[in-house]
Amino acid sequence: GSCRAQVAGGAYARIAPPTERTYVTAA
């Protein structure tokens, strides 16, 4: 979760689906 960032605007896509180990980010 160190590289989490708040999205102020713009477009993006996930590279791979999350797994059970993936850090859960805010909406």
mmCIF file of all heavy atoms, coordinates in Angstrom:
data_MODEL
# 
_entry.id   MODEL 
# 
loop_
_atom_site.group_PDB 
_atom_site.id 
_atom_site.type_symbol 
_atom_site.label_atom_id 
_atom_site.label_alt_id 
_atom_site.label_comp_id 
_atom_site.label_asym_id 
_atom_site.label_entity_id 
_atom_site.label_seq_id 
_atom_site.pdbx_PDB_ins_code 
_atom_site.Cartn_x 
_atom_site.Cartn_y 
_atom_site.Cartn_z 
_atom_site.occupancy 
_atom_site.B_iso_or_equiv 
_atom_site.pdbx_formal_charge 
_atom_site.auth_seq_id 
_atom_site.auth_comp_id 
_atom_site.auth_asym_id 
_atom_site.auth_atom_id 
_atom_site.pdbx_PDB_model_num 
ATOM 1   N N   . GLY A 1 1  ? 0.788   -1.222  0.000   1.00 0.00 ? 1  GLY A N   1 
ATOM 2   C CA  . GLY A 1 1  ? 0.000   0.000   0.000   1.00 0.00 ? 1  GLY A CA  1 
ATOM 3   C C   . GLY A 1 1  ? 0.822   1.275   0.000   1.00 0.00 ? 1  GLY A C   1 
ATOM 4   O O   . GLY A 1 1  ? 0.254   2.373   0.018   1.00 0.00 ? 1  GLY A O   1 
ATOM 5   N N   . SER A 1 2  ? 2.146   1.166   -0.030  1.00 0.00 ? 2  SER A N   1 
ATOM 6   C CA  . SER A 1 2  ? 2.982   2.365   0.018   1.00 0.00 ? 2  SER A CA  1 
ATOM 7   C C   . SER A 1 2  ? 2.746   3.287   -1.175  1.00 0.00 ? 2  SER A C   1 
ATOM 8   O O   . SER A 1 2  ? 2.811   4.509   -1.041  1.00 0.00 ? 2  SER A O   1 
ATOM 9   C CB  . SER A 1 2  ? 4.468   1.979   0.078   1.00 0.00 ? 2  SER A CB  1 
ATOM 10  O OG  . SER A 1 2  ? 4.767   1.268   1.258   1.00 0.00 ? 2  SER A OG  1 
ATOM 11  N N   . CYS A 1 3  ? 2.475   2.714   -2.342  1.00 0.00 ? 3  CYS A N   1 
ATOM 12  C CA  . CYS A 1 3  ? 2.340   3.528   -3.560  1.00 0.00 ? 3  CYS A CA  1 
ATOM 13  C C   . CYS A 1 3  ? 0.899   3.945   -3.833  1.00 0.00 ? 3  CYS A C   1 
ATOM 14  O O   . CYS A 1 3  ? 0.576   4.371   -4.945  1.00 0.00 ? 3  CYS A O   1 
ATOM 15  C CB  . CYS A 1 3  ? 2.920   2.802   -4.769  1.00 0.00 ? 3  CYS A CB  1 
ATOM 16  S SG  . CYS A 1 3  ? 1.965   1.355   -5.313  1.00 0.00 ? 3  CYS A SG  1 
ATOM 17  N N   . ARG A 1 4  ? 0.031   3.852   -2.820  1.00 0.00 ? 4  ARG A N   1 
ATOM 18  C CA  . ARG A 1 4  ? -1.347  4.278   -3.040  1.00 0.00 ? 4  ARG A CA  1 
ATOM 19  C C   . ARG A 1 4  ? -1.402  5.791   -3.265  1.00 0.00 ? 4  ARG A C   1 
ATOM 20  O O   . ARG A 1 4  ? -0.617  6.547   -2.681  1.00 0.00 ? 4  ARG A O   1 
ATOM 21  C CB  . ARG A 1 4  ? -2.228  3.892   -1.857  1.00 0.00 ? 4  ARG A CB  1 
ATOM 22  C CG  . ARG A 1 4  ? -1.916  4.595   -0.562  1.00 0.00 ? 4  ARG A CG  1 
ATOM 23  C CD  . ARG A 1 4  ? -2.718  3.993   0.588   1.00 0.00 ? 4  ARG A CD  1 
ATOM 24  N NE  . ARG A 1 4  ? -2.531  4.699   1.840   1.00 0.00 ? 4  ARG A NE  1 
ATOM 25  C CZ  . ARG A 1 4  ? -1.527  4.514   2.678   1.00 0.00 ? 4  ARG A CZ  1 
ATOM 26  N NH1 . ARG A 1 4  ? -0.586  3.625   2.362   1.00 0.00 ? 4  ARG A NH1 1 
ATOM 27  N NH2 . ARG A 1 4  ? -1.440  5.197   3.799   1.00 0.00 ? 4  ARG A NH2 1 
ATOM 28  N N   . ALA A 1 5  ? -2.319  6.209   -4.106  1.00 0.00 ? 5  ALA A N   1 
ATOM 29  C CA  . ALA A 1 5  ? -2.462  7.624   -4.425  1.00 0.00 ? 5  ALA A CA  1 
ATOM 30  C C   . ALA A 1 5  ? -3.936  7.963   -4.567  1.00 0.00 ? 5  ALA A C   1 
ATOM 31  O O   . ALA A 1 5  ? -4.724  7.147   -5.066  1.00 0.00 ? 5  ALA A O   1 
ATOM 32  C CB  . ALA A 1 5  ? -1.728  7.966   -5.720  1.00 0.00 ? 5  ALA A CB  1 
ATOM 33  N N   . GLN A 1 6  ? -4.318  9.150   -4.128  1.00 0.00 ? 6  GLN A N   1 
ATOM 34  C CA  . GLN A 1 6  ? -5.665  9.639   -4.331  1.00 0.00 ? 6  GLN A CA  1 
ATOM 35  C C   . GLN A 1 6  ? -5.795  10.159  -5.760  1.00 0.00 ? 6  GLN A C   1 
ATOM 36  O O   . GLN A 1 6  ? -4.914  10.857  -6.255  1.00 0.00 ? 6  GLN A O   1 
ATOM 37  C CB  . GLN A 1 6  ? -5.990  10.762  -3.350  1.00 0.00 ? 6  GLN A CB  1 
ATOM 38  C CG  . GLN A 1 6  ? -6.097  10.310  -1.908  1.00 0.00 ? 6  GLN A CG  1 
ATOM 39  C CD  . GLN A 1 6  ? -6.422  11.461  -0.972  1.00 0.00 ? 6  GLN A CD  1 
ATOM 40  O OE1 . GLN A 1 6  ? -6.111  12.611  -1.262  1.00 0.00 ? 6  GLN A OE1 1 
ATOM 41  N NE2 . GLN A 1 6  ? -7.056  11.157  0.144   1.00 0.00 ? 6  GLN A NE2 1 
ATOM 42  N N   . VAL A 1 7  ? -6.870  9.786   -6.424  1.00 0.00 ? 7  VAL A N   1 
ATOM 43  C CA  . VAL A 1 7  ? -7.102  10.199  -7.803  1.00 0.00 ? 7  VAL A CA  1 
ATOM 44  C C   . VAL A 1 7  ? -7.920  11.493  -7.791  1.00 0.00 ? 7  VAL A C   1 
ATOM 45  O O   . VAL A 1 7  ? -9.100  11.502  -7.431  1.00 0.00 ? 7  VAL A O   1 
ATOM 46  C CB  . VAL A 1 7  ? -7.845  9.110   -8.587  1.00 0.00 ? 7  VAL A CB  1 
ATOM 47  C CG1 . VAL A 1 7  ? -8.042  9.547   -10.038 1.00 0.00 ? 7  VAL A CG1 1 
ATOM 48  C CG2 . VAL A 1 7  ? -7.067  7.793   -8.527  1.00 0.00 ? 7  VAL A CG2 1 
ATOM 49  N N   . ALA A 1 8  ? -7.266  12.591  -8.173  1.00 0.00 ? 8  ALA A N   1 
ATOM 50  C CA  . ALA A 1 8  ? -7.961  13.871  -8.238  1.00 0.00 ? 8  ALA A CA  1 
ATOM 51  C C   . ALA A 1 8  ? -8.727  14.019  -9.544  1.00 0.00 ? 8  ALA A C   1 
ATOM 52  O O   . ALA A 1 8  ? -9.635  14.839  -9.649  1.00 0.00 ? 8  ALA A O   1 
ATOM 53  C CB  . ALA A 1 8  ? -6.961  15.014  -8.067  1.00 0.00 ? 8  ALA A CB  1 
ATOM 54  N N   . GLY A 1 9  ? -8.357  13.210  -10.528 1.00 0.00 ? 9  GLY A N   1 
ATOM 55  C CA  . GLY A 1 9  ? -9.046  13.247  -11.810 1.00 0.00 ? 9  GLY A CA  1 
ATOM 56  C C   . GLY A 1 9  ? -8.257  12.493  -12.853 1.00 0.00 ? 9  GLY A C   1 
ATOM 57  O O   . GLY A 1 9  ? -7.048  12.302  -12.719 1.00 0.00 ? 9  GLY A O   1 
ATOM 58  N N   . GLY A 1 10 ? -8.945  12.014  -13.902 1.00 0.00 ? 10 GLY A N   1 
ATOM 59  C CA  . GLY A 1 10 ? -8.259  11.336  -14.978 1.00 0.00 ? 10 GLY A CA  1 
ATOM 60  C C   . GLY A 1 10 ? -8.702  9.904   -15.172 1.00 0.00 ? 10 GLY A C   1 
ATOM 61  O O   . GLY A 1 10 ? -9.656  9.430   -14.537 1.00 0.00 ? 10 GLY A O   1 
ATOM 62  N N   . ALA A 1 11 ? -7.990  9.206   -16.064 1.00 0.00 ? 11 ALA A N   1 
ATOM 63  C CA  . ALA A 1 11 ? -8.388  7.857   -16.466 1.00 0.00 ? 11 ALA A CA  1 
ATOM 64  C C   . ALA A 1 11 ? -7.239  6.881   -16.256 1.00 0.00 ? 11 ALA A C   1 
ATOM 65  O O   . ALA A 1 11 ? -6.082  7.184   -16.542 1.00 0.00 ? 11 ALA A O   1 
ATOM 66  C CB  . ALA A 1 11 ? -8.814  7.854   -17.929 1.00 0.00 ? 11 ALA A CB  1 
ATOM 67  N N   . TYR A 1 12 ? -7.595  5.671   -15.782 1.00 0.00 ? 12 TYR A N   1 
ATOM 68  C CA  . TYR A 1 12 ? -6.599  4.631   -15.554 1.00 0.00 ? 12 TYR A CA  1 
ATOM 69  C C   . TYR A 1 12 ? -7.289  3.280   -15.605 1.00 0.00 ? 12 TYR A C   1 
ATOM 70  O O   . TYR A 1 12 ? -8.525  3.180   -15.577 1.00 0.00 ? 12 TYR A O   1 
ATOM 71  C CB  . TYR A 1 12 ? -5.901  4.822   -14.207 1.00 0.00 ? 12 TYR A CB  1 
ATOM 72  C CG  . TYR A 1 12 ? -6.810  4.653   -13.012 1.00 0.00 ? 12 TYR A CG  1 
ATOM 73  C CD1 . TYR A 1 12 ? -6.931  3.427   -12.359 1.00 0.00 ? 12 TYR A CD1 1 
ATOM 74  C CD2 . TYR A 1 12 ? -7.584  5.713   -12.533 1.00 0.00 ? 12 TYR A CD2 1 
ATOM 75  C CE1 . TYR A 1 12 ? -7.782  3.261   -11.281 1.00 0.00 ? 12 TYR A CE1 1 
ATOM 76  C CE2 . TYR A 1 12 ? -8.428  5.559   -11.448 1.00 0.00 ? 12 TYR A CE2 1 
ATOM 77  C CZ  . TYR A 1 12 ? -8.521  4.326   -10.827 1.00 0.00 ? 12 TYR A CZ  1 
ATOM 78  O OH  . TYR A 1 12 ? -9.363  4.169   -9.762  1.00 0.00 ? 12 TYR A OH  1 
ATOM 79  N N   . ALA A 1 13 ? -6.472  2.223   -15.661 1.00 0.00 ? 13 ALA A N   1 
ATOM 80  C CA  . ALA A 1 13 ? -6.994  0.858   -15.665 1.00 0.00 ? 13 ALA A CA  1 
ATOM 81  C C   . ALA A 1 13 ? -6.062  -0.031  -14.871 1.00 0.00 ? 13 ALA A C   1 
ATOM 82  O O   . ALA A 1 13 ? -4.847  0.208   -14.817 1.00 0.00 ? 13 ALA A O   1 
ATOM 83  C CB  . ALA A 1 13 ? -7.123  0.342   -17.095 1.00 0.00 ? 13 ALA A CB  1 
ATOM 84  N N   . ARG A 1 14 ? -6.622  -1.070  -14.248 1.00 0.00 ? 14 ARG A N   1 
ATOM 85  C CA  . ARG A 1 14 ? -5.802  -2.037  -13.540 1.00 0.00 ? 14 ARG A CA  1 
ATOM 86  C C   . ARG A 1 14 ? -5.039  -2.890  -14.541 1.00 0.00 ? 14 ARG A C   1 
ATOM 87  O O   . ARG A 1 14 ? -5.537  -3.205  -15.619 1.00 0.00 ? 14 ARG A O   1 
ATOM 88  C CB  . ARG A 1 14 ? -6.662  -2.935  -12.660 1.00 0.00 ? 14 ARG A CB  1 
ATOM 89  C CG  . ARG A 1 14 ? -7.214  -2.258  -11.407 1.00 0.00 ? 14 ARG A CG  1 
ATOM 90  C CD  . ARG A 1 14 ? -7.702  -3.322  -10.424 1.00 0.00 ? 14 ARG A CD  1 
ATOM 91  N NE  . ARG A 1 14 ? -6.616  -4.195  -9.996  1.00 0.00 ? 14 ARG A NE  1 
ATOM 92  C CZ  . ARG A 1 14 ? -5.836  -3.975  -8.928  1.00 0.00 ? 14 ARG A CZ  1 
ATOM 93  N NH1 . ARG A 1 14 ? -6.035  -2.919  -8.179  1.00 0.00 ? 14 ARG A NH1 1 
ATOM 94  N NH2 . ARG A 1 14 ? -4.873  -4.818  -8.622  1.00 0.00 ? 14 ARG A NH2 1 
ATOM 95  N N   . ILE A 1 15 ? -3.836  -3.271  -14.171 1.00 0.00 ? 15 ILE A N   1 
ATOM 96  C CA  . ILE A 1 15 ? -3.028  -4.140  -15.021 1.00 0.00 ? 15 ILE A CA  1 
ATOM 97  C C   . ILE A 1 15 ? -3.440  -5.592  -14.827 1.00 0.00 ? 15 ILE A C   1 
ATOM 98  O O   . ILE A 1 15 ? -3.443  -6.385  -15.768 1.00 0.00 ? 15 ILE A O   1 
ATOM 99  C CB  . ILE A 1 15 ? -1.530  -3.943  -14.697 1.00 0.00 ? 15 ILE A CB  1 
ATOM 100 C CG1 . ILE A 1 15 ? -1.106  -2.517  -15.053 1.00 0.00 ? 15 ILE A CG1 1 
ATOM 101 C CG2 . ILE A 1 15 ? -0.670  -4.961  -15.438 1.00 0.00 ? 15 ILE A CG2 1 
ATOM 102 C CD1 . ILE A 1 15 ? 0.298   -2.176  -14.615 1.00 0.00 ? 15 ILE A CD1 1 
ATOM 103 N N   . ALA A 1 16 ? -3.776  -5.958  -13.597 1.00 0.00 ? 16 ALA A N   1 
ATOM 104 C CA  . ALA A 1 16 ? -4.194  -7.331  -13.284 1.00 0.00 ? 16 ALA A CA  1 
ATOM 105 C C   . ALA A 1 16 ? -5.246  -7.257  -12.187 1.00 0.00 ? 16 ALA A C   1 
ATOM 106 O O   . ALA A 1 16 ? -5.270  -6.296  -11.410 1.00 0.00 ? 16 ALA A O   1 
ATOM 107 C CB  . ALA A 1 16 ? -2.999  -8.164  -12.828 1.00 0.00 ? 16 ALA A CB  1 
ATOM 108 N N   . PRO A 1 17 ? -6.120  -8.250  -12.104 1.00 0.00 ? 17 PRO A N   1 
ATOM 109 C CA  . PRO A 1 17 ? -7.142  -8.239  -11.056 1.00 0.00 ? 17 PRO A CA  1 
ATOM 110 C C   . PRO A 1 17 ? -6.501  -8.389  -9.684  1.00 0.00 ? 17 PRO A C   1 
ATOM 111 O O   . PRO A 1 17 ? -5.438  -9.003  -9.544  1.00 0.00 ? 17 PRO A O   1 
ATOM 112 C CB  . PRO A 1 17 ? -8.034  -9.434  -11.401 1.00 0.00 ? 17 PRO A CB  1 
ATOM 113 C CG  . PRO A 1 17 ? -7.157  -10.334 -12.213 1.00 0.00 ? 17 PRO A CG  1 
ATOM 114 C CD  . PRO A 1 17 ? -6.259  -9.427  -12.985 1.00 0.00 ? 17 PRO A CD  1 
ATOM 115 N N   . PRO A 1 18 ? -7.121  -7.846  -8.639  1.00 0.00 ? 18 PRO A N   1 
ATOM 116 C CA  . PRO A 1 18 ? -6.566  -7.977  -7.286  1.00 0.00 ? 18 PRO A CA  1 
ATOM 117 C C   . PRO A 1 18 ? -6.618  -9.419  -6.802  1.00 0.00 ? 18 PRO A C   1 
ATOM 118 O O   . PRO A 1 18 ? -7.424  -10.227 -7.272  1.00 0.00 ? 18 PRO A O   1 
ATOM 119 C CB  . PRO A 1 18 ? -7.469  -7.067  -6.448  1.00 0.00 ? 18 PRO A CB  1 
ATOM 120 C CG  . PRO A 1 18 ? -8.748  -7.001  -7.212  1.00 0.00 ? 18 PRO A CG  1 
ATOM 121 C CD  . PRO A 1 18 ? -8.367  -7.072  -8.659  1.00 0.00 ? 18 PRO A CD  1 
ATOM 122 N N   . THR A 1 19 ? -5.745  -9.737  -5.868  1.00 0.00 ? 19 THR A N   1 
ATOM 123 C CA  . THR A 1 19 ? -5.714  -11.054 -5.240  1.00 0.00 ? 19 THR A CA  1 
ATOM 124 C C   . THR A 1 19 ? -5.996  -10.883 -3.754  1.00 0.00 ? 19 THR A C   1 
ATOM 125 O O   . THR A 1 19 ? -6.184  -9.765  -3.262  1.00 0.00 ? 19 THR A O   1 
ATOM 126 C CB  . THR A 1 19 ? -4.345  -11.731 -5.428  1.00 0.00 ? 19 THR A CB  1 
ATOM 127 O OG1 . THR A 1 19 ? -3.365  -11.025 -4.638  1.00 0.00 ? 19 THR A OG1 1 
ATOM 128 C CG2 . THR A 1 19 ? -3.925  -11.693 -6.897  1.00 0.00 ? 19 THR A CG2 1 
ATOM 129 N N   . GLU A 1 20 ? -5.986  -11.988 -3.026  1.00 0.00 ? 20 GLU A N   1 
ATOM 130 C CA  . GLU A 1 20 ? -6.232  -11.914 -1.587  1.00 0.00 ? 20 GLU A CA  1 
ATOM 131 C C   . GLU A 1 20 ? -5.120  -11.188 -0.861  1.00 0.00 ? 20 GLU A C   1 
ATOM 132 O O   . GLU A 1 20 ? -5.287  -10.737 0.284   1.00 0.00 ? 20 GLU A O   1 
ATOM 133 C CB  . GLU A 1 20 ? -6.375  -13.322 -1.010  1.00 0.00 ? 20 GLU A CB  1 
ATOM 134 C CG  . GLU A 1 20 ? -5.140  -14.196 -1.157  1.00 0.00 ? 20 GLU A CG  1 
ATOM 135 C CD  . GLU A 1 20 ? -5.311  -15.565 -0.545  1.00 0.00 ? 20 GLU A CD  1 
ATOM 136 O OE1 . GLU A 1 20 ? -6.452  -15.927 -0.199  1.00 0.00 ? 20 GLU A OE1 1 
ATOM 137 O OE2 . GLU A 1 20 ? -4.292  -16.283 -0.420  1.00 0.00 ? 20 GLU A OE2 1 
ATOM 138 N N   . ARG A 1 21 ? -3.964  -11.029 -1.509  1.00 0.00 ? 21 ARG A N   1 
ATOM 139 C CA  . ARG A 1 21 ? -2.847  -10.329 -0.886  1.00 0.00 ? 21 ARG A CA  1 
ATOM 140 C C   . ARG A 1 21 ? -2.816  -8.842  -1.229  1.00 0.00 ? 21 ARG A C   1 
ATOM 141 O O   . ARG A 1 21 ? -2.029  -8.088  -0.655  1.00 0.00 ? 21 ARG A O   1 
ATOM 142 C CB  . ARG A 1 21 ? -1.524  -10.948 -1.332  1.00 0.00 ? 21 ARG A CB  1 
ATOM 143 C CG  . ARG A 1 21 ? -1.315  -12.381 -0.844  1.00 0.00 ? 21 ARG A CG  1 
ATOM 144 C CD  . ARG A 1 21 ? 0.074   -12.857 -1.200  1.00 0.00 ? 21 ARG A CD  1 
ATOM 145 N NE  . ARG A 1 21 ? 0.358   -14.166 -0.630  1.00 0.00 ? 21 ARG A NE  1 
ATOM 146 C CZ  . ARG A 1 21 ? 1.527   -14.777 -0.714  1.00 0.00 ? 21 ARG A CZ  1 
ATOM 147 N NH1 . ARG A 1 21 ? 2.527   -14.195 -1.358  1.00 0.00 ? 21 ARG A NH1 1 
ATOM 148 N NH2 . ARG A 1 21 ? 1.710   -15.959 -0.165  1.00 0.00 ? 21 ARG A NH2 1 
ATOM 149 N N   . THR A 1 22 ? -3.626  -8.408  -2.167  1.00 0.00 ? 22 THR A N   1 
ATOM 150 C CA  . THR A 1 22 ? -3.584  -7.027  -2.619  1.00 0.00 ? 22 THR A CA  1 
ATOM 151 C C   . THR A 1 22 ? -4.068  -6.073  -1.532  1.00 0.00 ? 22 THR A C   1 
ATOM 152 O O   . THR A 1 22 ? -5.072  -6.328  -0.865  1.00 0.00 ? 22 THR A O   1 
ATOM 153 C CB  . THR A 1 22 ? -4.452  -6.850  -3.875  1.00 0.00 ? 22 THR A CB  1 
ATOM 154 O OG1 . THR A 1 22 ? -3.973  -7.727  -4.904  1.00 0.00 ? 22 THR A OG1 1 
ATOM 155 C CG2 . THR A 1 22 ? -4.375  -5.418  -4.385  1.00 0.00 ? 22 THR A CG2 1 
ATOM 156 N N   . TYR A 1 23 ? -3.335  -4.975  -1.373  1.00 0.00 ? 23 TYR A N   1 
ATOM 157 C CA  . TYR A 1 23 ? -3.742  -3.929  -0.431  1.00 0.00 ? 23 TYR A CA  1 
ATOM 158 C C   . TYR A 1 23 ? -5.076  -3.351  -0.890  1.00 0.00 ? 23 TYR A C   1 
ATOM 159 O O   . TYR A 1 23 ? -5.260  -3.034  -2.072  1.00 0.00 ? 23 TYR A O   1 
ATOM 160 C CB  . TYR A 1 23 ? -2.682  -2.827  -0.396  1.00 0.00 ? 23 TYR A CB  1 
ATOM 161 C CG  . TYR A 1 23 ? -3.001  -1.692  0.538   1.00 0.00 ? 23 TYR A CG  1 
ATOM 162 C CD1 . TYR A 1 23 ? -2.568  -1.709  1.860   1.00 0.00 ? 23 TYR A CD1 1 
ATOM 163 C CD2 . TYR A 1 23 ? -3.734  -0.591  0.106   1.00 0.00 ? 23 TYR A CD2 1 
ATOM 164 C CE1 . TYR A 1 23 ? -2.848  -0.670  2.729   1.00 0.00 ? 23 TYR A CE1 1 
ATOM 165 C CE2 . TYR A 1 23 ? -4.025  0.461   0.963   1.00 0.00 ? 23 TYR A CE2 1 
ATOM 166 C CZ  . TYR A 1 23 ? -3.573  0.418   2.263   1.00 0.00 ? 23 TYR A CZ  1 
ATOM 167 O OH  . TYR A 1 23 ? -3.866  1.456   3.114   1.00 0.00 ? 23 TYR A OH  1 
ATOM 168 N N   . VAL A 1 24 ? -6.011  -3.201  0.036   1.00 0.00 ? 24 VAL A N   1 
ATOM 169 C CA  . VAL A 1 24 ? -7.344  -2.683  -0.293  1.00 0.00 ? 24 VAL A CA  1 
ATOM 170 C C   . VAL A 1 24 ? -7.326  -1.161  -0.181  1.00 0.00 ? 24 VAL A C   1 
ATOM 171 O O   . VAL A 1 24 ? -7.141  -0.607  0.912   1.00 0.00 ? 24 VAL A O   1 
ATOM 172 C CB  . VAL A 1 24 ? -8.416  -3.277  0.639   1.00 0.00 ? 24 VAL A CB  1 
ATOM 173 C CG1 . VAL A 1 24 ? -9.785  -2.706  0.293   1.00 0.00 ? 24 VAL A CG1 1 
ATOM 174 C CG2 . VAL A 1 24 ? -8.431  -4.795  0.517   1.00 0.00 ? 24 VAL A CG2 1 
ATOM 175 N N   . THR A 1 25 ? -7.510  -0.484  -1.291  1.00 0.00 ? 25 THR A N   1 
ATOM 176 C CA  . THR A 1 25 ? -7.491  0.973   -1.317  1.00 0.00 ? 25 THR A CA  1 
ATOM 177 C C   . THR A 1 25 ? -8.878  1.540   -1.054  1.00 0.00 ? 25 THR A C   1 
ATOM 178 O O   . THR A 1 25 ? -9.892  0.840   -1.155  1.00 0.00 ? 25 THR A O   1 
ATOM 179 C CB  . THR A 1 25 ? -7.007  1.477   -2.684  1.00 0.00 ? 25 THR A CB  1 
ATOM 180 O OG1 . THR A 1 25 ? -7.875  0.960   -3.707  1.00 0.00 ? 25 THR A OG1 1 
ATOM 181 C CG2 . THR A 1 25 ? -5.581  1.018   -2.961  1.00 0.00 ? 25 THR A CG2 1 
ATOM 182 N N   . ALA A 1 26 ? -8.910  2.831   -0.737  1.00 0.00 ? 26 ALA A N   1 
ATOM 183 C CA  . ALA A 1 26 ? -10.181 3.540   -0.613  1.00 0.00 ? 26 ALA A CA  1 
ATOM 184 C C   . ALA A 1 26 ? -10.786 3.726   -2.004  1.00 0.00 ? 26 ALA A C   1 
ATOM 185 O O   . ALA A 1 26 ? -10.115 3.522   -3.032  1.00 0.00 ? 26 ALA A O   1 
ATOM 186 C CB  . ALA A 1 26 ? -9.967  4.883   0.070   1.00 0.00 ? 26 ALA A CB  1 
ATOM 187 N N   . ALA A 1 27 ? -12.049 4.133   -2.045  1.00 0.00 ? 27 ALA A N   1 
ATOM 188 C CA  . ALA A 1 27 ? -12.754 4.253   -3.322  1.00 0.00 ? 27 ALA A CA  1 
ATOM 189 C C   . ALA A 1 27 ? -12.107 5.269   -4.252  1.00 0.00 ? 27 ALA A C   1 
ATOM 190 O O   . ALA A 1 27 ? -12.188 5.136   -5.488  1.00 0.00 ? 27 ALA A O   1 
ATOM 191 C CB  . ALA A 1 27 ? -14.213 4.633   -3.065  1.00 0.00 ? 27 ALA A CB  1 
# 
